[in-house]
Amino acid sequence: MKPVLDEGGLRYRTVWISDIHLGTRGCQAEYLLDFLKYSECDTLYLVGDIIDGWRLKKSWYWPQTHNDVVQKVLRKARKGTEVIYVTGNHDEGLRDFAGHFFGGVLVTNEVIHETADGRRFLVFHGDAFDAVVKHARWLAFLGDYAYHVALTLNRLFNAVRRRLGYSYWSLSAYLKFKVKNAVEFISRFEGAVAQECAERGLDGVICGHIHHAEMRQMNGVLYCNDGDWVESCTALVEHPDGRLEVLRWLDVAGQYELAGKTAPASSGSVPA
């Protein structure tokens, strides 16, 4: 079913986005700004790793487009969109402020969302089920450095592709899903998250963290991952009737001939 594009843009009941990683060169801020421009919703969930505090502590990188993303979200909140910021591991400094509002945006560590058709979903970032982040933070920071190197290589790779007339293609995403251990990690993560949801007696779970958009039944619950805005530019959306869908913005932009209005993306990857 094709989403409705009216004068106000694409209309949804709810939108979930995560893993934007503002403050890194891999952030696809230009594409995200277009998505926020052309989409409207009653509730917008920011499901963690919106601002990359890990990277900003090491080196400051904050171009105007990243500031524009923050201002765009705050403007939506002022105009009546309910905006809920669910904290992640890269913006874990905000976890102490759970329950507080900033610029009309509610900060929380997890929340239960009820869809229009009455289903109840646990919404959280998902890093609590990542053994590396939870029990070996030194290894997580080492992984952050490795991904930063991959980000630089990916950016150079796509600069060459653009010169040759080819579109953006994520080398880092391709390599990640060719590595057996990465695939096994994603499978274990998804299973653990779904099991937690089932034990709580909920209908499903919505998370981010692993930069892999997915929606499927697992352990009797609906597992949903909204992906990221570094490699895939994806969001999870709820239609007015409660139906959920993984939306890949570059595909939708092309479908409505909006792709020409988006700026070339900065390529790369950052760790989950």
Protein backbone atom coordinates (compact mmCIF):
# COMPACT_ATOMS: atom_id res chain seq x y z
CA MET A 1 0.00 0.00 0.00
CA LYS A 2 1.47 3.33 -1.09
CA PRO A 3 1.65 5.98 1.68
CA VAL A 4 -0.46 9.07 1.17
CA LEU A 5 1.43 12.11 -0.08
CA ASP A 6 -0.75 15.19 0.35
CA GLU A 7 0.06 18.88 0.68
CA GLY A 8 1.33 18.21 4.20
CA GLY A 9 3.57 15.32 3.09
CA LEU A 10 3.50 11.68 4.11
CA ARG A 11 1.00 11.18 6.94
CA TYR A 12 1.53 8.62 9.70
CA ARG A 13 0.15 8.02 13.17
CA THR A 14 3.59 7.25 14.60
CA VAL A 15 7.20 7.34 13.42
CA TRP A 16 10.24 5.71 15.04
CA ILE A 17 13.80 6.66 14.07
CA SER A 18 17.07 5.85 15.81
CA ASP A 19 20.83 5.74 15.43
CA ILE A 20 21.17 9.09 13.72
CA HIS A 21 24.59 9.66 15.31
CA LEU A 22 24.62 13.44 15.08
CA GLY A 23 28.18 14.58 15.66
CA THR A 24 29.75 12.04 13.31
CA ARG A 25 30.72 12.30 9.66
CA GLY A 26 28.70 9.17 8.88
CA CYS A 27 25.38 10.80 9.81
CA GLN A 28 23.07 11.12 6.78
CA ALA A 29 21.66 14.43 8.05
CA GLU A 30 20.65 15.71 4.61
CA TYR A 31 18.44 12.71 3.89
CA LEU A 32 16.97 12.84 7.39
CA LEU A 33 16.08 16.50 6.97
CA ASP A 34 14.16 15.62 3.81
CA PHE A 35 12.36 12.80 5.60
CA LEU A 36 11.36 15.12 8.44
CA LYS A 37 10.28 17.74 5.91
CA TYR A 38 8.02 15.44 3.89
CA SER A 39 6.57 13.36 6.76
CA GLU A 40 4.12 14.26 9.51
CA CYS A 41 2.97 12.19 12.48
CA ASP A 42 1.11 12.47 15.76
CA THR A 43 3.98 10.91 17.73
CA LEU A 44 7.69 10.82 16.92
CA TYR A 45 9.93 8.43 18.84
CA LEU A 46 13.69 9.03 18.83
CA VAL A 47 14.90 5.57 19.80
CA GLY A 48 18.44 6.26 21.01
CA ASP A 49 21.89 7.17 19.68
CA ILE A 50 20.49 10.39 18.28
CA ILE A 51 23.53 12.39 19.40
CA ASP A 52 26.83 10.51 19.45
CA GLY A 53 28.37 11.54 22.76
CA TRP A 54 31.14 8.97 22.41
CA ARG A 55 32.48 10.53 19.23
CA LEU A 56 31.97 14.13 20.33
CA LYS A 57 34.09 13.50 23.44
CA LYS A 58 36.98 12.51 21.18
CA SER A 59 36.66 15.20 18.52
CA TRP A 60 34.09 17.92 17.86
CA TYR A 61 32.17 17.68 14.61
CA TRP A 62 28.90 19.57 14.33
CA PRO A 63 28.04 20.98 10.87
CA GLN A 64 25.01 23.17 10.25
CA THR A 65 22.95 20.24 8.92
CA HIS A 66 23.21 18.50 12.30
CA ASN A 67 21.98 21.61 14.04
CA ASP A 68 19.17 21.80 11.46
CA VAL A 69 18.02 18.28 12.43
CA VAL A 70 17.76 19.29 16.08
CA GLN A 71 15.86 22.46 15.19
CA LYS A 72 13.51 20.54 12.89
CA VAL A 73 12.61 18.10 15.65
CA LEU A 74 12.07 20.89 18.17
CA ARG A 75 9.88 22.72 15.66
CA LYS A 76 7.71 19.64 15.26
CA ALA A 77 7.33 19.47 19.04
CA ARG A 78 6.29 23.12 19.18
CA LYS A 79 3.70 22.55 16.47
CA GLY A 80 1.99 19.72 18.34
CA THR A 81 3.86 16.51 17.52
CA GLU A 82 4.45 14.42 20.64
CA VAL A 83 8.22 13.81 20.62
CA ILE A 84 9.67 11.12 22.91
CA TYR A 85 13.42 10.69 23.22
CA VAL A 86 14.34 7.14 24.27
CA THR A 87 17.98 7.11 25.36
CA GLY A 88 20.67 4.89 23.85
CA ASN A 89 24.25 3.97 24.73
CA HIS A 90 25.90 6.70 22.66
CA ASP A 91 23.70 9.32 24.36
CA GLU A 92 23.62 7.55 27.73
CA GLY A 93 24.38 10.81 29.53
CA LEU A 94 20.69 11.66 29.14
CA ARG A 95 19.55 8.62 31.12
CA ASP A 96 19.82 10.52 34.38
CA PHE A 97 17.21 12.95 33.02
CA ALA A 98 14.51 10.35 32.33
CA GLY A 99 11.07 11.80 33.01
CA HIS A 100 12.12 15.37 32.21
CA PHE A 101 11.06 17.55 29.27
CA PHE A 102 13.50 19.59 27.19
CA GLY A 103 12.03 21.90 24.58
CA GLY A 104 8.79 19.94 24.72
CA VAL A 105 10.62 16.62 24.20
CA LEU A 106 10.14 13.92 26.85
CA VAL A 107 13.29 11.96 27.78
CA THR A 108 12.80 8.35 28.88
CA ASN A 109 14.74 5.10 28.96
CA GLU A 110 11.86 2.93 27.73
CA VAL A 111 8.15 3.31 27.08
CA ILE A 112 5.11 1.23 26.13
CA HIS A 113 3.41 2.26 22.88
CA GLU A 114 -0.15 1.19 22.04
CA THR A 115 -0.99 1.03 18.34
CA ALA A 116 -4.30 2.12 16.84
CA ASP A 117 -5.41 -1.54 16.72
CA GLY A 118 -4.69 -2.07 20.42
CA ARG A 119 -1.34 -3.87 20.36
CA ARG A 120 1.22 -2.97 23.03
CA PHE A 121 4.90 -2.57 22.13
CA LEU A 122 7.96 -2.09 24.30
CA VAL A 123 10.07 0.75 22.89
CA PHE A 124 13.71 0.95 23.95
CA HIS A 125 17.10 1.34 22.31
CA GLY A 126 18.30 -2.24 22.86
CA ASP A 127 21.86 -1.83 24.11
CA ALA A 128 20.94 -3.57 27.39
CA PHE A 129 20.94 -6.81 25.36
CA ASP A 130 24.38 -6.19 23.84
CA ALA A 131 26.85 -8.14 25.97
CA VAL A 132 29.79 -6.11 24.66
CA VAL A 133 28.26 -2.77 25.63
CA LYS A 134 26.97 -4.11 28.95
CA HIS A 135 29.96 -6.14 30.19
CA ALA A 136 33.01 -5.09 28.15
CA ARG A 137 32.81 -1.35 27.58
CA TRP A 138 36.51 -1.19 26.64
CA LEU A 139 35.76 -3.50 23.74
CA ALA A 140 32.79 -1.36 22.74
CA PHE A 141 35.04 1.73 22.63
CA LEU A 142 37.60 -0.22 20.61
CA GLY A 143 34.81 -1.13 18.20
CA ASP A 144 33.90 2.54 18.00
CA TYR A 145 37.42 3.34 16.84
CA ALA A 146 37.37 0.52 14.28
CA TYR A 147 34.09 1.74 12.84
CA HIS A 148 35.45 5.27 12.68
CA VAL A 149 38.23 3.94 10.44
CA ALA A 150 35.62 2.10 8.35
CA LEU A 151 33.65 5.35 8.11
CA THR A 152 36.65 7.14 6.60
CA LEU A 153 37.31 4.34 4.10
CA ASN A 154 33.63 4.25 3.18
CA ARG A 155 33.57 7.99 2.57
CA LEU A 156 36.54 7.76 0.22
CA PHE A 157 34.99 4.75 -1.54
CA ASN A 158 31.76 6.62 -2.21
CA ALA A 159 33.59 9.76 -3.33
CA VAL A 160 35.09 7.66 -6.11
CA ARG A 161 31.65 6.16 -6.92
CA ARG A 162 30.14 9.64 -7.24
CA ARG A 163 32.91 10.72 -9.62
CA LEU A 164 32.12 7.69 -11.75
CA GLY A 165 28.41 8.54 -11.75
CA TYR A 166 27.29 5.81 -9.38
CA SER A 167 24.86 6.29 -6.46
CA TYR A 168 25.70 5.84 -2.78
CA TRP A 169 26.36 2.27 -1.67
CA SER A 170 27.39 1.30 1.85
CA LEU A 171 30.59 -0.69 1.75
CA SER A 172 30.56 -0.98 5.54
CA ALA A 173 27.05 -2.46 5.58
CA TYR A 174 28.03 -4.96 2.89
CA LEU A 175 31.10 -6.08 4.82
CA LYS A 176 29.19 -6.28 8.09
CA PHE A 177 26.63 -8.72 6.75
CA LYS A 178 29.29 -10.79 5.02
CA VAL A 179 31.02 -11.44 8.33
CA LYS A 180 29.65 -14.56 10.01
CA ASN A 181 30.14 -13.30 13.57
CA ALA A 182 28.21 -10.11 12.83
CA VAL A 183 25.28 -12.08 11.44
CA GLU A 184 25.30 -14.38 14.49
CA PHE A 185 25.41 -11.38 16.82
CA ILE A 186 22.38 -9.81 15.16
CA SER A 187 20.48 -13.09 15.41
CA ARG A 188 21.27 -13.46 19.13
CA PHE A 189 20.37 -9.85 19.80
CA GLU A 190 17.00 -10.11 18.05
CA GLY A 191 16.14 -13.32 19.88
CA ALA A 192 17.03 -11.91 23.31
CA VAL A 193 15.01 -8.74 22.74
CA ALA A 194 11.98 -10.72 21.53
CA GLN A 195 12.22 -13.05 24.54
CA GLU A 196 12.22 -10.09 26.94
CA CYS A 197 9.10 -8.75 25.26
CA ALA A 198 7.35 -12.13 25.48
CA GLU A 199 8.17 -12.42 29.19
CA ARG A 200 6.53 -9.06 29.81
CA GLY A 201 3.35 -10.21 28.08
CA LEU A 202 3.56 -7.59 25.34
CA ASP A 203 2.66 -7.94 21.68
CA GLY A 204 5.94 -6.69 20.30
CA VAL A 205 9.11 -4.69 20.68
CA ILE A 206 10.53 -1.70 18.78
CA CYS A 207 14.23 -0.95 19.08
CA GLY A 208 17.33 0.20 17.22
CA HIS A 209 21.01 -0.20 18.18
CA ILE A 210 22.24 -2.75 15.63
CA HIS A 211 21.66 -0.63 12.47
CA HIS A 212 19.62 -3.35 10.81
CA ALA A 213 15.99 -2.60 9.94
CA GLU A 214 13.76 -5.64 10.39
CA MET A 215 10.18 -6.61 11.16
CA ARG A 216 9.23 -10.24 11.79
CA GLN A 217 7.55 -12.60 14.23
CA MET A 218 9.87 -14.09 16.86
CA ASN A 219 9.01 -16.10 19.97
CA GLY A 220 5.34 -15.22 19.55
CA VAL A 221 5.91 -11.45 19.41
CA LEU A 222 6.52 -8.95 16.62
CA TYR A 223 10.15 -7.83 16.59
CA CYS A 224 10.67 -4.43 14.93
CA ASN A 225 13.95 -2.61 14.42
CA ASP A 226 13.79 0.84 12.84
CA GLY A 227 17.34 0.68 11.44
CA ASP A 228 19.52 3.78 11.27
CA TRP A 229 20.37 7.03 9.48
CA VAL A 230 23.98 6.17 8.80
CA GLU A 231 23.85 3.22 6.42
CA SER A 232 20.25 2.50 5.45
CA CYS A 233 18.18 5.68 6.11
CA THR A 234 15.19 3.77 7.47
CA ALA A 235 12.32 4.40 9.84
CA LEU A 236 9.48 2.37 11.30
CA VAL A 237 6.07 3.91 10.71
CA GLU A 238 2.56 3.22 11.98
CA HIS A 239 -0.33 3.89 9.63
CA PRO A 240 -3.67 5.25 10.93
CA ASP A 241 -5.11 1.73 11.14
CA GLY A 242 -2.23 0.47 13.31
CA ARG A 243 -0.35 -1.31 10.54
CA LEU A 244 3.43 -1.13 10.94
CA GLU A 245 5.92 -0.81 8.10
CA VAL A 246 9.67 -0.41 7.68
CA LEU A 247 10.16 2.62 5.45
CA ARG A 248 13.35 3.00 3.42
CA TRP A 249 13.55 6.70 2.71
CA LEU A 250 15.70 6.55 -0.42
CA ASP A 251 13.16 4.19 -2.01
CA VAL A 252 10.22 6.39 -1.01
CA ALA A 253 11.98 9.56 -2.17
CA GLY A 254 12.57 7.96 -5.55
CA GLN A 255 8.99 6.71 -5.73
CA TYR A 256 7.68 10.26 -5.35
CA GLU A 257 10.51 11.81 -7.37
CA LEU A 258 11.89 13.59 -4.32
CA ALA A 259 15.36 12.11 -4.58
CA GLY A 260 16.63 15.04 -6.65
CA LYS A 261 15.84 17.36 -3.76
CA THR A 262 18.17 15.52 -1.39
CA ALA A 263 21.82 16.40 -1.04
CA PRO A 264 24.51 13.74 -1.62
CA ALA A 265 24.87 11.75 1.58
CA SER A 266 28.03 11.53 3.61
CA SER A 267 28.88 7.85 3.74
CA GLY A 268 30.13 5.65 6.49
CA SER A 269 29.24 3.64 9.53
CA VAL A 270 29.41 3.98 13.27
CA PRO A 271 29.08 1.21 15.84
CA ALA A 272 25.82 0.04 17.30
